[in-house]
Every structure is written in structure tokens, then in C-alpha cells.
Amino acid sequence: MRQLGSSGGAAEQTTILIADDHEMFAGGLALLVASMPGHKVVGVAHDGPEAVELAVRLKPDVVLMDVRMPSLSGAEATSRIMAQLPETAVVIITMYPDDASLVYALRSGATGFVSKNASVAELRRAIEAAANGEALLGQAVASHLSRFLAARTDPNNMAPFDLTRREREVLALLTQGLSNWEIAKRLDMSVKTARNHVSSVLGKLEVRTRTEAALKAREAGLY
């Protein structure tokens, strides 16, 4: 484990734990993230069990988790972290997003995915979205997941989930990755009202995260 110190300053920062078994990539990612204003890397883990141990001990705002980790997969590590730290957001980073690992990690509680080939701006957006309780899928990953879900959609499985008309509108926008602010603007409501609708949708779909809600809605053929 490599503990990284603060670069100084009293401003509130988003704390980040990086988990990747490739030391050179992990080190480079740590330097990149630490260079982003308002972001502080608090530690680096190189296998699944260490990622869980460090997350529980350091309680970061965001974990950047490689999907393929030794000893314990990224999805399994994510599940264990979420069970103990529901306020921590996990963003999966991967070079080769395959169908099974994407869906498994989403169902384990990951709030976002980003490709290792993503731009710096895309990585920063994913971290900031996760820290703010939003879900964000990187463009390449979102495209891959959409194709996978489209292939699995059963048009006869249109479970209504007992959603109101407004909740269905919110869910439709949520599946597009829109934030609460963007949903509020699109539907001409306050951000607080949008947040309340999102919470209601998550409850009715019996999921913990916005990403899980989008996945469940698409699998049910709703959108």
C-alpha cells in the first residue's frame, strides 16, 4: 500500500482511492488525479482484498476500481465496499469492458464506468459525478452496454413497477445519464423535486443506485 499525503491547502477536497493491479498504470493514474484541483488521492491498492481494506480504513469519497483484480475481482470488491461504506462511490475503470463484468459490477453497486482510454476531462467528470451521487458511464462503455442491453431486451417484459407518469419521465431521463439538475431543467421542476422523484424511482425499482435503475429499466424493456 502506498499512502499519499496532502498537497496542502484547507479547501475541501474529494478524496480518492485507486485500485489497480498494474503498478505503473496505478501510479500514473494517481499522479493524474492528484493534479486535478480539488482532488486528493489518499491511497493506492494493487489487489481486491487490499482495495476493500484500504477503503474501509480510509473512507474515501470515490474509489477508482479496476474491474480485473487479483484475489478478488473489482465487482466483488465493490460489493464488499458498498456493504460497509454505502456513502462511498465506486467508479469502475477498465481496458476491455466485457458484458458480464459490466453488468456484475453495476449490480454490485458501482455508480459509473470509465475506459482506461478515456480523456482526462471524461475521467474528471466521472469522478465528480460519483462524488456528487450521480452516475456517469464513459462514452465507450455506455455504447458497449447499450448494445448489450438492446440485444437482451424482451419486449414482452414491460414491468410497470407502479411508477407514476412523472416518475416514468424522470426514469427515462435518468437512463440517459442526466443529473438531478439536468432532469429538473428538462422537466421544469426544482432540483429538490427532481431528487425526490429519483429517490422514489429507486425505491420502487428496489435498487440502490441510479445506474442500477437504468440497467433494470432497460432490461425490463421500458426504455
C-alpha atoms as a PDB file:
ATOM      1  CA  MET A   1       0.000   0.000   0.000  1.00  0.00           C
ATOM      2  CA  ARG A   2       1.256   3.473  -0.841  1.00  0.00           C
ATOM      3  CA  GLN A   3      -0.207   6.229   1.311  1.00  0.00           C
ATOM      4  CA  LEU A   4      -0.206   9.598  -0.418  1.00  0.00           C
ATOM      5  CA  GLY A   5      -0.035  12.819   1.525  1.00  0.00           C
ATOM      6  CA  SER A   6      -1.953  16.041   1.009  1.00  0.00           C
ATOM      7  CA  SER A   7      -0.509  18.748  -1.214  1.00  0.00           C
ATOM      8  CA  GLY A   8      -1.628  21.327   1.295  1.00  0.00           C
ATOM      9  CA  GLY A   9      -4.472  23.810   1.488  1.00  0.00           C
ATOM     10  CA  ALA A  10      -7.576  23.971   3.650  1.00  0.00           C
ATOM     11  CA  ALA A  11     -10.148  23.759   0.849  1.00  0.00           C
ATOM     12  CA  GLU A  12     -12.474  20.794   0.941  1.00  0.00           C
ATOM     13  CA  GLN A  13     -11.287  18.075  -1.405  1.00  0.00           C
ATOM     14  CA  THR A  14     -12.733  14.953  -2.965  1.00  0.00           C
ATOM     15  CA  THR A  15     -10.765  12.020  -1.563  1.00  0.00           C
ATOM     16  CA  ILE A  16      -9.986   9.171  -3.934  1.00  0.00           C
ATOM     17  CA  LEU A  17      -8.649   5.638  -3.566  1.00  0.00           C
ATOM     18  CA  ILE A  18      -7.159   3.991  -6.643  1.00  0.00           C
ATOM     19  CA  ALA A  19      -7.271   0.203  -7.027  1.00  0.00           C
ATOM     20  CA  ASP A  20      -5.380  -1.353  -9.939  1.00  0.00           C
ATOM     21  CA  ASP A  21      -3.000  -4.297 -10.075  1.00  0.00           C
ATOM     22  CA  HIS A  22      -0.756  -2.688 -12.710  1.00  0.00           C
ATOM     23  CA  GLU A  23       1.632  -0.597 -10.622  1.00  0.00           C
ATOM     24  CA  MET A  24       2.782   1.672 -13.437  1.00  0.00           C
ATOM     25  CA  PHE A  25      -0.783   2.433 -14.514  1.00  0.00           C
ATOM     26  CA  ALA A  26      -1.919   2.920 -10.911  1.00  0.00           C
ATOM     27  CA  GLY A  27       0.975   5.256 -10.190  1.00  0.00           C
ATOM     28  CA  GLY A  28       0.354   7.292 -13.320  1.00  0.00           C
ATOM     29  CA  LEU A  29      -3.364   7.493 -12.598  1.00  0.00           C
ATOM     30  CA  ALA A  30      -2.639   8.609  -9.033  1.00  0.00           C
ATOM     31  CA  LEU A  31      -0.423  11.439 -10.286  1.00  0.00           C
ATOM     32  CA  LEU A  32      -3.009  12.452 -12.873  1.00  0.00           C
ATOM     33  CA  VAL A  33      -5.898  12.525 -10.406  1.00  0.00           C
ATOM     34  CA  ALA A  34      -3.822  14.316  -7.766  1.00  0.00           C
ATOM     35  CA  SER A  35      -3.085  17.059 -10.307  1.00  0.00           C
ATOM     36  CA  MET A  36      -6.802  17.832 -10.653  1.00  0.00           C
ATOM     37  CA  PRO A  37      -7.831  20.807  -8.486  1.00  0.00           C
ATOM     38  CA  GLY A  38      -9.969  19.750  -5.530  1.00  0.00           C
ATOM     39  CA  HIS A  39      -8.968  16.082  -5.764  1.00  0.00           C
ATOM     40  CA  LYS A  40      -6.785  14.221  -3.281  1.00  0.00           C
ATOM     41  CA  VAL A  41      -5.539  10.662  -3.732  1.00  0.00           C
ATOM     42  CA  VAL A  42      -5.431   9.062  -0.286  1.00  0.00           C
ATOM     43  CA  GLY A  43      -4.088   5.639  -1.249  1.00  0.00           C
ATOM     44  CA  VAL A  44      -3.415   3.018  -3.891  1.00  0.00           C
ATOM     45  CA  ALA A  45      -4.299  -0.692  -3.709  1.00  0.00           C
ATOM     46  CA  HIS A  46      -2.988  -3.421  -6.003  1.00  0.00           C
ATOM     47  CA  ASP A  47      -5.452  -6.266  -5.407  1.00  0.00           C
ATOM     48  CA  GLY A  48      -9.089  -6.750  -4.430  1.00  0.00           C
ATOM     49  CA  PRO A  49      -8.658  -7.519  -0.719  1.00  0.00           C
ATOM     50  CA  GLU A  50      -6.324  -4.556  -0.272  1.00  0.00           C
ATOM     51  CA  ALA A  51      -8.837  -2.311  -2.038  1.00  0.00           C
ATOM     52  CA  VAL A  52     -11.536  -3.334   0.448  1.00  0.00           C
ATOM     53  CA  GLU A  53      -9.203  -2.979   3.449  1.00  0.00           C
ATOM     54  CA  LEU A  54      -7.995   0.473   2.424  1.00  0.00           C
ATOM     55  CA  ALA A  55     -11.477   1.692   1.533  1.00  0.00           C
ATOM     56  CA  VAL A  56     -12.837   0.681   4.939  1.00  0.00           C
ATOM     57  CA  ARG A  57      -9.890   2.282   6.720  1.00  0.00           C
ATOM     58  CA  LEU A  58      -9.554   5.475   4.669  1.00  0.00           C
ATOM     59  CA  LYS A  59     -13.258   6.017   3.810  1.00  0.00           C
ATOM     60  CA  PRO A  60     -12.642   7.834   0.506  1.00  0.00           C
ATOM     61  CA  ASP A  61     -15.364   9.709  -1.330  1.00  0.00           C
ATOM     62  CA  VAL A  62     -14.625   7.797  -4.532  1.00  0.00           C
ATOM     63  CA  VAL A  63     -12.853   4.538  -5.392  1.00  0.00           C
ATOM     64  CA  LEU A  64     -11.460   4.113  -8.903  1.00  0.00           C
ATOM     65  CA  MET A  65     -11.589   0.337  -9.219  1.00  0.00           C
ATOM     66  CA  ASP A  66     -10.041  -1.821 -11.936  1.00  0.00           C
ATOM     67  CA  VAL A  67     -12.597  -4.441 -12.961  1.00  0.00           C
ATOM     68  CA  ARG A  68      -9.965  -7.188 -13.224  1.00  0.00           C
ATOM     69  CA  MET A  69      -8.149  -7.521  -9.899  1.00  0.00           C
ATOM     70  CA  PRO A  70      -6.126 -10.391  -8.371  1.00  0.00           C
ATOM     71  CA  SER A  71      -7.541 -12.441  -5.483  1.00  0.00           C
ATOM     72  CA  LEU A  72     -10.870 -10.606  -5.587  1.00  0.00           C
ATOM     73  CA  SER A  73     -12.484  -9.153  -8.722  1.00  0.00           C
ATOM     74  CA  GLY A  74     -13.335  -5.482  -8.979  1.00  0.00           C
ATOM     75  CA  ALA A  75     -17.049  -6.323  -8.879  1.00  0.00           C
ATOM     76  CA  GLU A  76     -16.666  -8.462  -5.749  1.00  0.00           C
ATOM     77  CA  ALA A  77     -14.510  -5.819  -4.068  1.00  0.00           C
ATOM     78  CA  THR A  78     -17.120  -3.211  -4.980  1.00  0.00           C
ATOM     79  CA  SER A  79     -19.872  -5.294  -3.398  1.00  0.00           C
ATOM     80  CA  ARG A  80     -17.917  -5.610  -0.140  1.00  0.00           C
ATOM     81  CA  ILE A  81     -17.082  -1.906  -0.076  1.00  0.00           C
ATOM     82  CA  MET A  82     -20.690  -0.882  -0.681  1.00  0.00           C
ATOM     83  CA  ALA A  83     -21.886  -3.202   2.092  1.00  0.00           C
ATOM     84  CA  GLN A  84     -19.695  -1.362   4.606  1.00  0.00           C
ATOM     85  CA  LEU A  85     -19.463   2.108   3.079  1.00  0.00           C
ATOM     86  CA  PRO A  86     -22.730   2.965   1.311  1.00  0.00           C
ATOM     87  CA  GLU A  87     -21.697   6.633   1.087  1.00  0.00           C
ATOM     88  CA  THR A  88     -18.561   5.805  -0.904  1.00  0.00           C
ATOM     89  CA  ALA A  89     -18.944   5.789  -4.688  1.00  0.00           C
ATOM     90  CA  VAL A  90     -17.119   3.245  -6.840  1.00  0.00           C
ATOM     91  CA  VAL A  91     -16.215   4.013 -10.448  1.00  0.00           C
ATOM     92  CA  ILE A  92     -15.019   1.028 -12.451  1.00  0.00           C
ATOM     93  CA  ILE A  93     -12.056   1.588 -14.766  1.00  0.00           C
ATOM     94  CA  THR A  94     -11.390  -0.991 -17.443  1.00  0.00           C
ATOM     95  CA  MET A  95      -9.467  -1.516 -20.657  1.00  0.00           C
ATOM     96  CA  TYR A  96     -11.696  -4.236 -22.116  1.00  0.00           C
ATOM     97  CA  PRO A  97     -15.296  -3.882 -20.884  1.00  0.00           C
ATOM     98  CA  ASP A  98     -16.969  -7.242 -21.434  1.00  0.00           C
ATOM     99  CA  ASP A  99     -20.691  -7.823 -20.990  1.00  0.00           C
ATOM    100  CA  ALA A 100     -20.558  -9.961 -17.866  1.00  0.00           C
ATOM    101  CA  SER A 101     -18.190  -7.763 -15.890  1.00  0.00           C
ATOM    102  CA  LEU A 102     -20.138  -4.605 -16.740  1.00  0.00           C
ATOM    103  CA  VAL A 103     -23.463  -5.934 -15.527  1.00  0.00           C
ATOM    104  CA  TYR A 104     -21.969  -7.707 -12.497  1.00  0.00           C
ATOM    105  CA  ALA A 105     -20.180  -4.559 -11.351  1.00  0.00           C
ATOM    106  CA  LEU A 106     -23.307  -2.451 -11.831  1.00  0.00           C
ATOM    107  CA  ARG A 107     -25.295  -4.871  -9.727  1.00  0.00           C
ATOM    108  CA  SER A 108     -22.537  -4.822  -7.116  1.00  0.00           C
ATOM    109  CA  GLY A 109     -23.156  -1.114  -6.582  1.00  0.00           C
ATOM    110  CA  ALA A 110     -20.723   0.660  -8.931  1.00  0.00           C
ATOM    111  CA  THR A 111     -22.020   4.097  -9.855  1.00  0.00           C
ATOM    112  CA  GLY A 112     -20.027   4.603 -13.010  1.00  0.00           C
ATOM    113  CA  PHE A 113     -17.679   3.183 -15.576  1.00  0.00           C
ATOM    114  CA  VAL A 114     -14.843   4.803 -17.468  1.00  0.00           C
ATOM    115  CA  SER A 115     -12.471   3.342 -20.014  1.00  0.00           C
ATOM    116  CA  LYS A 116      -8.724   3.399 -19.388  1.00  0.00           C
ATOM    117  CA  ASN A 117      -8.547   5.107 -22.781  1.00  0.00           C
ATOM    118  CA  ALA A 118     -10.832   7.931 -21.634  1.00  0.00           C
ATOM    119  CA  SER A 119      -9.717  11.548 -21.842  1.00  0.00           C
ATOM    120  CA  VAL A 120      -8.660  13.455 -18.733  1.00  0.00           C
ATOM    121  CA  ALA A 121     -11.855  15.513 -18.952  1.00  0.00           C
ATOM    122  CA  GLU A 122     -14.015  12.378 -19.102  1.00  0.00           C
ATOM    123  CA  LEU A 123     -12.214  10.859 -16.113  1.00  0.00           C
ATOM    124  CA  ARG A 124     -12.673  14.056 -14.129  1.00  0.00           C
ATOM    125  CA  ARG A 125     -16.381  14.183 -14.973  1.00  0.00           C
ATOM    126  CA  ALA A 126     -16.799  10.568 -13.844  1.00  0.00           C
ATOM    127  CA  ILE A 127     -15.095  11.266 -10.509  1.00  0.00           C
ATOM    128  CA  GLU A 128     -17.046  14.463  -9.870  1.00  0.00           C
ATOM    129  CA  ALA A 129     -20.359  12.855 -10.826  1.00  0.00           C
ATOM    130  CA  ALA A 130     -19.701   9.945  -8.471  1.00  0.00           C
ATOM    131  CA  ALA A 131     -18.702  12.280  -5.628  1.00  0.00           C
ATOM    132  CA  ASN A 132     -21.986  14.166  -6.114  1.00  0.00           C
ATOM    133  CA  GLY A 133     -24.074  10.998  -6.017  1.00  0.00           C
ATOM    134  CA  GLU A 134     -24.626  10.914  -9.756  1.00  0.00           C
ATOM    135  CA  ALA A 135     -23.959   8.092 -12.200  1.00  0.00           C
ATOM    136  CA  LEU A 136     -21.864   8.548 -15.293  1.00  0.00           C
ATOM    137  CA  LEU A 137     -20.848   5.988 -17.877  1.00  0.00           C
ATOM    138  CA  GLY A 138     -17.928   6.807 -20.124  1.00  0.00           C
ATOM    139  CA  GLN A 139     -18.895   7.192 -23.781  1.00  0.00           C
ATOM    140  CA  ALA A 140     -17.207   3.982 -24.956  1.00  0.00           C
ATOM    141  CA  VAL A 141     -18.578   1.963 -22.039  1.00  0.00           C
ATOM    142  CA  ALA A 142     -22.093   3.395 -22.388  1.00  0.00           C
ATOM    143  CA  SER A 143     -22.142   2.480 -26.073  1.00  0.00           C
ATOM    144  CA  HIS A 144     -20.999  -1.066 -25.294  1.00  0.00           C
ATOM    145  CA  LEU A 145     -23.554  -1.505 -22.515  1.00  0.00           C
ATOM    146  CA  SER A 146     -26.385  -0.116 -24.637  1.00  0.00           C
ATOM    147  CA  ARG A 147     -25.668  -2.639 -27.388  1.00  0.00           C
ATOM    148  CA  PHE A 148     -25.571  -5.465 -24.850  1.00  0.00           C
ATOM    149  CA  LEU A 149     -28.856  -4.461 -23.209  1.00  0.00           C
ATOM    150  CA  ALA A 150     -30.560  -3.884 -26.546  1.00  0.00           C
ATOM    151  CA  ALA A 151     -29.688  -7.444 -27.517  1.00  0.00           C
ATOM    152  CA  ARG A 152     -31.191  -8.762 -24.264  1.00  0.00           C
ATOM    153  CA  THR A 153     -34.361  -6.646 -24.181  1.00  0.00           C
ATOM    154  CA  ASP A 154     -37.574  -8.650 -24.041  1.00  0.00           C
ATOM    155  CA  PRO A 155     -40.431  -6.517 -25.420  1.00  0.00           C
ATOM    156  CA  ASN A 156     -42.916  -8.727 -23.556  1.00  0.00           C
ATOM    157  CA  ASN A 157     -41.333  -7.948 -20.166  1.00  0.00           C
ATOM    158  CA  MET A 158     -42.683  -4.436 -19.666  1.00  0.00           C
ATOM    159  CA  ALA A 159     -42.995  -4.408 -15.876  1.00  0.00           C
ATOM    160  CA  PRO A 160     -44.652  -1.126 -14.841  1.00  0.00           C
ATOM    161  CA  PHE A 161     -43.059  -1.000 -11.345  1.00  0.00           C
ATOM    162  CA  ASP A 162     -46.116   1.047 -10.298  1.00  0.00           C
ATOM    163  CA  LEU A 163     -44.451   4.283 -11.447  1.00  0.00           C
ATOM    164  CA  THR A 164     -46.438   7.487 -11.880  1.00  0.00           C
ATOM    165  CA  ARG A 165     -46.316   9.321 -15.211  1.00  0.00           C
ATOM    166  CA  ARG A 166     -43.857  11.837 -13.794  1.00  0.00           C
ATOM    167  CA  GLU A 167     -41.675   9.083 -12.338  1.00  0.00           C
ATOM    168  CA  ARG A 168     -41.568   7.407 -15.743  1.00  0.00           C
ATOM    169  CA  GLU A 169     -40.421  10.709 -17.259  1.00  0.00           C
ATOM    170  CA  VAL A 170     -37.733  11.004 -14.615  1.00  0.00           C
ATOM    171  CA  LEU A 171     -36.640   7.407 -15.161  1.00  0.00           C
ATOM    172  CA  ALA A 172     -36.415   7.960 -18.916  1.00  0.00           C
ATOM    173  CA  LEU A 173     -34.037  10.884 -18.353  1.00  0.00           C
ATOM    174  CA  LEU A 174     -32.163   9.000 -15.660  1.00  0.00           C
ATOM    175  CA  THR A 175     -31.426   6.178 -18.124  1.00  0.00           C
ATOM    176  CA  GLN A 176     -29.771   8.796 -20.344  1.00  0.00           C
ATOM    177  CA  GLY A 177     -27.358   9.638 -17.516  1.00  0.00           C
ATOM    178  CA  LEU A 178     -28.811  13.056 -16.705  1.00  0.00           C
ATOM    179  CA  SER A 179     -28.067  14.596 -13.319  1.00  0.00           C
ATOM    180  CA  ASN A 180     -30.757  15.835 -10.926  1.00  0.00           C
ATOM    181  CA  TRP A 181     -30.104  19.386 -12.107  1.00  0.00           C
ATOM    182  CA  GLU A 182     -30.464  18.389 -15.747  1.00  0.00           C
ATOM    183  CA  ILE A 183     -33.653  16.421 -15.031  1.00  0.00           C
ATOM    184  CA  ALA A 184     -35.086  19.408 -13.159  1.00  0.00           C
ATOM    185  CA  LYS A 185     -34.299  21.723 -16.049  1.00  0.00           C
ATOM    186  CA  ARG A 186     -35.718  19.353 -18.668  1.00  0.00           C
ATOM    187  CA  LEU A 187     -38.975  18.786 -16.725  1.00  0.00           C
ATOM    188  CA  ASP A 188     -39.300  22.353 -15.435  1.00  0.00           C
ATOM    189  CA  MET A 189     -39.161  21.485 -11.728  1.00  0.00           C
ATOM    190  CA  SER A 190     -36.928  22.302  -8.786  1.00  0.00           C
ATOM    191  CA  VAL A 191     -33.774  20.278  -8.152  1.00  0.00           C
ATOM    192  CA  LYS A 192     -35.245  19.192  -4.815  1.00  0.00           C
ATOM    193  CA  THR A 193     -38.367  17.853  -6.542  1.00  0.00           C
ATOM    194  CA  ALA A 194     -36.242  16.043  -9.104  1.00  0.00           C
ATOM    195  CA  ARG A 195     -34.170  14.499  -6.313  1.00  0.00           C
ATOM    196  CA  ASN A 196     -37.340  13.342  -4.544  1.00  0.00           C
ATOM    197  CA  HIS A 197     -38.663  11.747  -7.736  1.00  0.00           C
ATOM    198  CA  VAL A 198     -35.336   9.975  -8.297  1.00  0.00           C
ATOM    199  CA  SER A 199     -35.410   8.621  -4.736  1.00  0.00           C
ATOM    200  CA  SER A 200     -38.973   7.366  -5.275  1.00  0.00           C
ATOM    201  CA  VAL A 201     -37.977   5.678  -8.539  1.00  0.00           C
ATOM    202  CA  LEU A 202     -35.029   3.937  -6.878  1.00  0.00           C
ATOM    203  CA  GLY A 203     -37.307   2.712  -4.112  1.00  0.00           C
ATOM    204  CA  LYS A 204     -39.955   1.340  -6.456  1.00  0.00           C
ATOM    205  CA  LEU A 205     -37.357  -0.386  -8.609  1.00  0.00           C
ATOM    206  CA  GLU A 206     -35.736  -1.754  -5.426  1.00  0.00           C
ATOM    207  CA  VAL A 207     -32.245  -0.622  -6.394  1.00  0.00           C
ATOM    208  CA  ARG A 208     -29.565   1.395  -4.607  1.00  0.00           C
ATOM    209  CA  THR A 209     -28.068   3.484  -7.382  1.00  0.00           C
ATOM    210  CA  ARG A 210     -29.148   5.431 -10.453  1.00  0.00           C
ATOM    211  CA  THR A 211     -27.040   3.175 -12.650  1.00  0.00           C
ATOM    212  CA  GLU A 212     -28.812   0.080 -11.314  1.00  0.00           C
ATOM    213  CA  ALA A 213     -32.154   1.782 -12.002  1.00  0.00           C
ATOM    214  CA  ALA A 214     -31.151   2.486 -15.603  1.00  0.00           C
ATOM    215  CA  LEU A 215     -29.961  -1.085 -16.026  1.00  0.00           C
ATOM    216  CA  LYS A 216     -33.164  -2.566 -14.582  1.00  0.00           C
ATOM    217  CA  ALA A 217     -35.369  -0.294 -16.700  1.00  0.00           C
ATOM    218  CA  ARG A 218     -33.535  -1.243 -19.882  1.00  0.00           C
ATOM    219  CA  GLU A 219     -33.555  -4.947 -19.052  1.00  0.00           C
ATOM    220  CA  ALA A 220     -37.320  -4.734 -18.478  1.00  0.00           C
ATOM    221  CA  GLY A 221     -37.693  -3.148 -21.913  1.00  0.00           C
ATOM    222  CA  LEU A 222     -39.039   0.122 -20.522  1.00  0.00           C
ATOM    223  CA  TYR A 223     -36.579   2.276 -22.488  1.00  0.00           C
END
